[in-house]
Full PDB file with SEQRES, HELIX, SHEET, SSBOND, CRYST1, ORIGX, SCALE, CONECT and MASTER records, all heavy atoms in Angstrom:
SEQRES   1 A   28  LEU ALA THR LEU MET LEU VAL ALA GLY ALA ALA HIS ALA          
SEQRES   2 A   28  GLU ASP LYS VAL LEU ARG LEU LEU THR TRP ALA ASP TYR          
SEQRES   3 A   28  ALA PRO                                                      
HELIX    1 AA1 ALA A    2  ASP A   15  1                                  14    
CRYST1    1.000    1.000    1.000  90.00  90.00  90.00 P 1           1          
ORIGX1      1.000000  0.000000  0.000000        0.00000                         
ORIGX2      0.000000  1.000000  0.000000        0.00000                         
ORIGX3      0.000000  0.000000  1.000000        0.00000                         
SCALE1      1.000000  0.000000  0.000000        0.00000                         
SCALE2      0.000000  1.000000  0.000000        0.00000                         
SCALE3      0.000000  0.000000  1.000000        0.00000                         
ATOM      1  N   LEU A   1     -43.168   6.042  38.518  1.00  0.00           N  
ATOM      2  CA  LEU A   1     -42.570   6.864  39.570  1.00  0.00           C  
ATOM      3  C   LEU A   1     -41.765   8.015  38.951  1.00  0.00           C  
ATOM      4  O   LEU A   1     -41.846   9.171  39.393  1.00  0.00           O  
ATOM      5  CB  LEU A   1     -41.659   6.022  40.410  1.00  0.00           C  
ATOM      6  CG  LEU A   1     -40.913   6.770  41.574  1.00  0.00           C  
ATOM      7  CD1 LEU A   1     -41.917   7.449  42.511  1.00  0.00           C  
ATOM      8  CD2 LEU A   1     -40.022   5.806  42.336  1.00  0.00           C  
ATOM      9  N   ALA A   2     -40.999   7.696  37.887  1.00  0.00           N  
ATOM     10  CA  ALA A   2     -40.216   8.701  37.208  1.00  0.00           C  
ATOM     11  C   ALA A   2     -41.094   9.786  36.607  1.00  0.00           C  
ATOM     12  O   ALA A   2     -40.802  10.981  36.699  1.00  0.00           O  
ATOM     13  CB  ALA A   2     -39.367   8.053  36.122  1.00  0.00           C  
ATOM     14  N   THR A   3     -42.264   9.379  36.036  1.00  0.00           N  
ATOM     15  CA  THR A   3     -43.182  10.296  35.421  1.00  0.00           C  
ATOM     16  C   THR A   3     -43.782  11.235  36.520  1.00  0.00           C  
ATOM     17  O   THR A   3     -43.899  12.452  36.346  1.00  0.00           O  
ATOM     18  CB  THR A   3     -44.317   9.600  34.732  1.00  0.00           C  
ATOM     19  OG1 THR A   3     -43.812   8.728  33.722  1.00  0.00           O  
ATOM     20  CG2 THR A   3     -45.358  10.553  34.130  1.00  0.00           C  
ATOM     21  N   LEU A   4     -44.147  10.645  37.647  1.00  0.00           N  
ATOM     22  CA  LEU A   4     -44.668  11.403  38.776  1.00  0.00           C  
ATOM     23  C   LEU A   4     -43.657  12.429  39.260  1.00  0.00           C  
ATOM     24  O   LEU A   4     -43.993  13.586  39.600  1.00  0.00           O  
ATOM     25  CB  LEU A   4     -45.110  10.503  39.913  1.00  0.00           C  
ATOM     26  CG  LEU A   4     -46.395   9.704  39.679  1.00  0.00           C  
ATOM     27  CD1 LEU A   4     -46.594   8.688  40.776  1.00  0.00           C  
ATOM     28  CD2 LEU A   4     -47.589  10.637  39.590  1.00  0.00           C  
ATOM     29  N   MET A   5     -42.407  12.060  39.279  1.00  0.00           N  
ATOM     30  CA  MET A   5     -41.370  12.918  39.747  1.00  0.00           C  
ATOM     31  C   MET A   5     -41.137  14.065  38.795  1.00  0.00           C  
ATOM     32  O   MET A   5     -40.939  15.210  39.221  1.00  0.00           O  
ATOM     33  CB  MET A   5     -40.015  12.139  39.917  1.00  0.00           C  
ATOM     34  CG  MET A   5     -40.042  11.179  41.099  1.00  0.00           C  
ATOM     35  SD  MET A   5     -38.537  10.195  41.220  1.00  0.00           S  
ATOM     36  CE  MET A   5     -37.346  11.482  41.680  1.00  0.00           C  
ATOM     37  N   LEU A   6     -41.228  13.790  37.489  1.00  0.00           N  
ATOM     38  CA  LEU A   6     -41.084  14.819  36.492  1.00  0.00           C  
ATOM     39  C   LEU A   6     -42.258  15.841  36.582  1.00  0.00           C  
ATOM     40  O   LEU A   6     -42.083  17.055  36.530  1.00  0.00           O  
ATOM     41  CB  LEU A   6     -41.125  14.239  35.084  1.00  0.00           C  
ATOM     42  CG  LEU A   6     -39.768  13.568  34.670  1.00  0.00           C  
ATOM     43  CD1 LEU A   6     -40.012  12.833  33.331  1.00  0.00           C  
ATOM     44  CD2 LEU A   6     -38.683  14.599  34.532  1.00  0.00           C  
ATOM     45  N   VAL A   7     -43.466  15.303  36.788  1.00  0.00           N  
ATOM     46  CA  VAL A   7     -44.690  16.157  36.914  1.00  0.00           C  
ATOM     47  C   VAL A   7     -44.566  17.016  38.148  1.00  0.00           C  
ATOM     48  O   VAL A   7     -44.842  18.223  38.168  1.00  0.00           O  
ATOM     49  CB  VAL A   7     -45.958  15.302  36.969  1.00  0.00           C  
ATOM     50  CG1 VAL A   7     -47.169  16.169  37.331  1.00  0.00           C  
ATOM     51  CG2 VAL A   7     -46.167  14.619  35.608  1.00  0.00           C  
ATOM     52  N   ALA A   8     -44.160  16.388  39.249  1.00  0.00           N  
ATOM     53  CA  ALA A   8     -44.012  17.118  40.528  1.00  0.00           C  
ATOM     54  C   ALA A   8     -42.909  18.217  40.390  1.00  0.00           C  
ATOM     55  O   ALA A   8     -43.062  19.321  40.893  1.00  0.00           O  
ATOM     56  CB  ALA A   8     -43.603  16.161  41.630  1.00  0.00           C  
ATOM     57  N   GLY A   9     -41.848  17.838  39.668  1.00  0.00           N  
ATOM     58  CA  GLY A   9     -40.752  18.846  39.513  1.00  0.00           C  
ATOM     59  C   GLY A   9     -41.253  20.041  38.665  1.00  0.00           C  
ATOM     60  O   GLY A   9     -40.922  21.171  38.964  1.00  0.00           O  
ATOM     61  N   ALA A  10     -42.019  19.729  37.595  1.00  0.00           N  
ATOM     62  CA  ALA A  10     -42.534  20.836  36.754  1.00  0.00           C  
ATOM     63  C   ALA A  10     -43.498  21.727  37.561  1.00  0.00           C  
ATOM     64  O   ALA A  10     -43.494  22.959  37.473  1.00  0.00           O  
ATOM     65  CB  ALA A  10     -43.253  20.254  35.570  1.00  0.00           C  
ATOM     66  N   ALA A  11     -44.323  21.087  38.402  1.00  0.00           N  
ATOM     67  CA  ALA A  11     -45.273  21.827  39.186  1.00  0.00           C  
ATOM     68  C   ALA A  11     -44.544  22.734  40.189  1.00  0.00           C  
ATOM     69  O   ALA A  11     -44.914  23.890  40.464  1.00  0.00           O  
ATOM     70  CB  ALA A  11     -46.203  20.923  39.925  1.00  0.00           C  
ATOM     71  N   HIS A  12     -43.447  22.182  40.778  1.00  0.00           N  
ATOM     72  CA  HIS A  12     -42.710  22.954  41.757  1.00  0.00           C  
ATOM     73  C   HIS A  12     -42.038  24.172  41.072  1.00  0.00           C  
ATOM     74  O   HIS A  12     -41.983  25.264  41.618  1.00  0.00           O  
ATOM     75  CB  HIS A  12     -41.628  22.087  42.372  1.00  0.00           C  
ATOM     76  CG  HIS A  12     -40.759  22.812  43.359  1.00  0.00           C  
ATOM     77  ND1 HIS A  12     -41.204  23.233  44.585  1.00  0.00           N  
ATOM     78  CD2 HIS A  12     -39.462  23.213  43.300  1.00  0.00           C  
ATOM     79  CE1 HIS A  12     -40.235  23.865  45.236  1.00  0.00           C  
ATOM     80  NE2 HIS A  12     -39.150  23.879  44.506  1.00  0.00           N  
ATOM     81  N   ALA A  13     -41.528  23.943  39.804  1.00  0.00           N  
ATOM     82  CA  ALA A  13     -40.922  24.991  39.078  1.00  0.00           C  
ATOM     83  C   ALA A  13     -41.957  26.137  38.776  1.00  0.00           C  
ATOM     84  O   ALA A  13     -41.626  27.316  38.856  1.00  0.00           O  
ATOM     85  CB  ALA A  13     -40.328  24.522  37.765  1.00  0.00           C  
ATOM     86  N   GLU A  14     -43.183  25.720  38.437  1.00  0.00           N  
ATOM     87  CA  GLU A  14     -44.227  26.702  38.166  1.00  0.00           C  
ATOM     88  C   GLU A  14     -44.520  27.548  39.403  1.00  0.00           C  
ATOM     89  O   GLU A  14     -44.867  28.703  39.309  1.00  0.00           O  
ATOM     90  CB  GLU A  14     -45.526  26.029  37.670  1.00  0.00           C  
ATOM     91  CG  GLU A  14     -45.448  25.666  36.223  1.00  0.00           C  
ATOM     92  CD  GLU A  14     -46.791  25.134  35.741  1.00  0.00           C  
ATOM     93  OE1 GLU A  14     -47.739  24.905  36.600  1.00  0.00           O  
ATOM     94  OE2 GLU A  14     -46.967  24.932  34.521  1.00  0.00           O  
ATOM     95  N   ASP A  15     -44.439  26.929  40.585  1.00  0.00           N  
ATOM     96  CA  ASP A  15     -44.706  27.607  41.859  1.00  0.00           C  
ATOM     97  C   ASP A  15     -43.737  28.729  42.048  1.00  0.00           C  
ATOM     98  O   ASP A  15     -43.963  29.643  42.821  1.00  0.00           O  
ATOM     99  CB  ASP A  15     -44.619  26.680  43.075  1.00  0.00           C  
ATOM    100  CG  ASP A  15     -45.786  25.687  43.086  1.00  0.00           C  
ATOM    101  OD1 ASP A  15     -46.778  25.920  42.398  1.00  0.00           O  
ATOM    102  OD2 ASP A  15     -45.688  24.676  43.803  1.00  0.00           O  
ATOM    103  N   LYS A  16     -42.571  28.703  41.392  1.00  0.00           N  
ATOM    104  CA  LYS A  16     -41.536  29.699  41.572  1.00  0.00           C  
ATOM    105  C   LYS A  16     -41.514  30.738  40.511  1.00  0.00           C  
ATOM    106  O   LYS A  16     -40.508  31.476  40.350  1.00  0.00           O  
ATOM    107  CB  LYS A  16     -40.174  28.984  41.695  1.00  0.00           C  
ATOM    108  CG  LYS A  16     -40.014  28.088  42.979  1.00  0.00           C  
ATOM    109  CD  LYS A  16     -40.204  28.985  44.240  1.00  0.00           C  
ATOM    110  CE  LYS A  16     -40.041  28.143  45.501  1.00  0.00           C  
ATOM    111  NZ  LYS A  16     -40.248  28.924  46.724  1.00  0.00           N  
ATOM    112  N   VAL A  17     -42.552  30.794  39.665  1.00  0.00           N  
ATOM    113  CA  VAL A  17     -42.605  31.797  38.612  1.00  0.00           C  
ATOM    114  C   VAL A  17     -43.999  32.451  38.573  1.00  0.00           C  
ATOM    115  O   VAL A  17     -44.981  31.787  38.709  1.00  0.00           O  
ATOM    116  CB  VAL A  17     -42.358  31.116  37.202  1.00  0.00           C  
ATOM    117  CG1 VAL A  17     -42.525  32.161  36.069  1.00  0.00           C  
ATOM    118  CG2 VAL A  17     -40.974  30.488  37.142  1.00  0.00           C  
ATOM    119  N   LEU A  18     -43.942  33.790  38.497  1.00  0.00           N  
ATOM    120  CA  LEU A  18     -45.181  34.543  38.364  1.00  0.00           C  
ATOM    121  C   LEU A  18     -45.187  35.174  36.965  1.00  0.00           C  
ATOM    122  O   LEU A  18     -44.250  35.918  36.611  1.00  0.00           O  
ATOM    123  CB  LEU A  18     -45.226  35.682  39.399  1.00  0.00           C  
ATOM    124  CG  LEU A  18     -46.353  36.711  39.233  1.00  0.00           C  
ATOM    125  CD1 LEU A  18     -47.735  36.058  39.503  1.00  0.00           C  
ATOM    126  CD2 LEU A  18     -46.160  37.937  40.124  1.00  0.00           C  
ATOM    127  N   ARG A  19     -46.196  34.791  36.143  1.00  0.00           N  
ATOM    128  CA  ARG A  19     -46.313  35.354  34.803  1.00  0.00           C  
ATOM    129  C   ARG A  19     -47.228  36.584  34.862  1.00  0.00           C  
ATOM    130  O   ARG A  19     -48.408  36.439  35.072  1.00  0.00           O  
ATOM    131  CB  ARG A  19     -46.840  34.307  33.857  1.00  0.00           C  
ATOM    132  CG  ARG A  19     -45.904  33.051  33.777  1.00  0.00           C  
ATOM    133  CD  ARG A  19     -46.565  31.913  33.058  1.00  0.00           C  
ATOM    134  NE  ARG A  19     -47.755  31.498  33.754  1.00  0.00           N  
ATOM    135  CZ  ARG A  19     -48.676  30.652  33.255  1.00  0.00           C  
ATOM    136  NH1 ARG A  19     -48.491  30.167  32.013  1.00  0.00           N  
ATOM    137  NH2 ARG A  19     -49.722  30.316  33.975  1.00  0.00           N  
ATOM    138  N   LEU A  20     -46.638  37.773  34.726  1.00  0.00           N  
ATOM    139  CA  LEU A  20     -47.359  39.032  34.965  1.00  0.00           C  
ATOM    140  C   LEU A  20     -47.579  39.751  33.653  1.00  0.00           C  
ATOM    141  O   LEU A  20     -46.698  40.027  32.883  1.00  0.00           O  
ATOM    142  CB  LEU A  20     -46.489  39.909  35.866  1.00  0.00           C  
ATOM    143  CG  LEU A  20     -47.028  41.296  36.247  1.00  0.00           C  
ATOM    144  CD1 LEU A  20     -48.343  41.232  36.989  1.00  0.00           C  
ATOM    145  CD2 LEU A  20     -45.986  42.048  37.063  1.00  0.00           C  
ATOM    146  N   LEU A  21     -48.873  40.124  33.450  1.00  0.00           N  
ATOM    147  CA  LEU A  21     -49.299  40.892  32.251  1.00  0.00           C  
ATOM    148  C   LEU A  21     -49.620  42.314  32.755  1.00  0.00           C  
ATOM    149  O   LEU A  21     -50.646  42.509  33.447  1.00  0.00           O  
ATOM    150  CB  LEU A  21     -50.537  40.207  31.633  1.00  0.00           C  
ATOM    151  CG  LEU A  21     -51.044  40.823  30.355  1.00  0.00           C  
ATOM    152  CD1 LEU A  21     -50.000  40.744  29.204  1.00  0.00           C  
ATOM    153  CD2 LEU A  21     -52.366  40.078  29.905  1.00  0.00           C  
ATOM    154  N   THR A  22     -48.807  43.259  32.435  1.00  0.00           N  
ATOM    155  CA  THR A  22     -48.941  44.588  33.131  1.00  0.00           C  
ATOM    156  C   THR A  22     -48.560  45.684  32.192  1.00  0.00           C  
ATOM    157  O   THR A  22     -48.207  45.564  31.015  1.00  0.00           O  
ATOM    158  CB  THR A  22     -48.030  44.556  34.366  1.00  0.00           C  
ATOM    159  OG1 THR A  22     -48.308  45.746  35.158  1.00  0.00           O  
ATOM    160  CG2 THR A  22     -46.541  44.513  34.051  1.00  0.00           C  
ATOM    161  N   TRP A  23     -48.601  46.903  32.751  1.00  0.00           N  
ATOM    162  CA  TRP A  23     -48.307  48.131  32.041  1.00  0.00           C  
ATOM    163  C   TRP A  23     -46.804  48.490  32.258  1.00  0.00           C  
ATOM    164  O   TRP A  23     -46.147  48.056  33.173  1.00  0.00           O  
ATOM    165  CB  TRP A  23     -49.101  49.306  32.560  1.00  0.00           C  
ATOM    166  CG  TRP A  23     -50.572  49.142  32.401  1.00  0.00           C  
ATOM    167  CD1 TRP A  23     -51.405  48.370  33.204  1.00  0.00           C  
ATOM    168  CD2 TRP A  23     -51.457  49.744  31.424  1.00  0.00           C  
ATOM    169  NE1 TRP A  23     -52.693  48.482  32.789  1.00  0.00           N  
ATOM    170  CE2 TRP A  23     -52.780  49.271  31.719  1.00  0.00           C  
ATOM    171  CE3 TRP A  23     -51.260  50.576  30.397  1.00  0.00           C  
ATOM    172  CZ2 TRP A  23     -53.819  49.656  30.950  1.00  0.00           C  
ATOM    173  CZ3 TRP A  23     -52.300  50.994  29.621  1.00  0.00           C  
ATOM    174  CH2 TRP A  23     -53.589  50.518  29.886  1.00  0.00           C  
ATOM    175  N   ALA A  24     -46.262  49.362  31.330  1.00  0.00           N  
ATOM    176  CA  ALA A  24     -44.892  49.788  31.486  1.00  0.00           C  
ATOM    177  C   ALA A  24     -44.753  50.536  32.807  1.00  0.00           C  
ATOM    178  O   ALA A  24     -45.627  51.290  33.224  1.00  0.00           O  
ATOM    179  CB  ALA A  24     -44.559  50.736  30.324  1.00  0.00           C  
ATOM    180  N   ASP A  25     -43.633  50.275  33.493  1.00  0.00           N  
ATOM    181  CA  ASP A  25     -43.235  50.949  34.723  1.00  0.00           C  
ATOM    182  C   ASP A  25     -43.989  50.465  36.008  1.00  0.00           C  
ATOM    183  O   ASP A  25     -43.713  50.974  37.043  1.00  0.00           O  
ATOM    184  CB  ASP A  25     -43.407  52.497  34.643  1.00  0.00           C  
ATOM    185  CG  ASP A  25     -42.644  53.061  33.459  1.00  0.00           C  
ATOM    186  OD1 ASP A  25     -41.510  52.653  33.221  1.00  0.00           O  
ATOM    187  OD2 ASP A  25     -43.178  53.956  32.779  1.00  0.00           O  
ATOM    188  N   TYR A  26     -44.850  49.454  35.836  1.00  0.00           N  
ATOM    189  CA  TYR A  26     -45.564  48.938  37.019  1.00  0.00           C  
ATOM    190  C   TYR A  26     -44.804  47.836  37.744  1.00  0.00           C  
ATOM    191  O   TYR A  26     -45.177  47.403  38.823  1.00  0.00           O  
ATOM    192  CB  TYR A  26     -46.930  48.374  36.636  1.00  0.00           C  
ATOM    193  CG  TYR A  26     -47.992  49.457  36.415  1.00  0.00           C  
ATOM    194  CD1 TYR A  26     -47.642  50.762  36.210  1.00  0.00           C  
ATOM    195  CD2 TYR A  26     -49.358  49.095  36.412  1.00  0.00           C  
ATOM    196  CE1 TYR A  26     -48.624  51.728  35.983  1.00  0.00           C  
ATOM    197  CE2 TYR A  26     -50.342  50.067  36.198  1.00  0.00           C  
ATOM    198  CZ  TYR A  26     -49.967  51.396  35.996  1.00  0.00           C  
ATOM    199  OH  TYR A  26     -50.957  52.335  35.761  1.00  0.00           O  
ATOM    200  N   ALA A  27     -43.699  47.395  37.164  1.00  0.00           N  
ATOM    201  CA  ALA A  27     -42.838  46.396  37.783  1.00  0.00           C  
ATOM    202  C   ALA A  27     -41.380  46.807  37.682  1.00  0.00           C  
ATOM    203  O   ALA A  27     -40.618  46.168  36.939  1.00  0.00           O  
ATOM    204  CB  ALA A  27     -43.079  45.025  37.164  1.00  0.00           C  
ATOM    205  N   PRO A  28     -40.986  47.846  38.400  1.00  0.00           N  
ATOM    206  CA  PRO A  28     -39.562  48.293  38.309  1.00  0.00           C  
ATOM    207  C   PRO A  28     -38.609  47.244  38.689  1.00  0.00           C  
ATOM    208  O   PRO A  28     -38.852  46.329  39.543  1.00  0.00           O  
ATOM    209  CB  PRO A  28     -39.539  49.468  39.348  1.00  0.00           C  
ATOM    210  CG  PRO A  28     -40.948  49.836  39.572  1.00  0.00           C  
ATOM    211  CD  PRO A  28     -41.773  48.574  39.375  1.00  0.00           C  
TER     212      PRO A  28                                                      
MASTER        0    0    0    1    0    0    0    6  211    1    0    3          
END                                                                             
């Protein structure tokens, strides 16, 4: 159960991050 909670927590954290590969000035 603890393992599942850790995995779920990590997945939730990933849902709140966008990793963007972009050009200069395209994300002011």
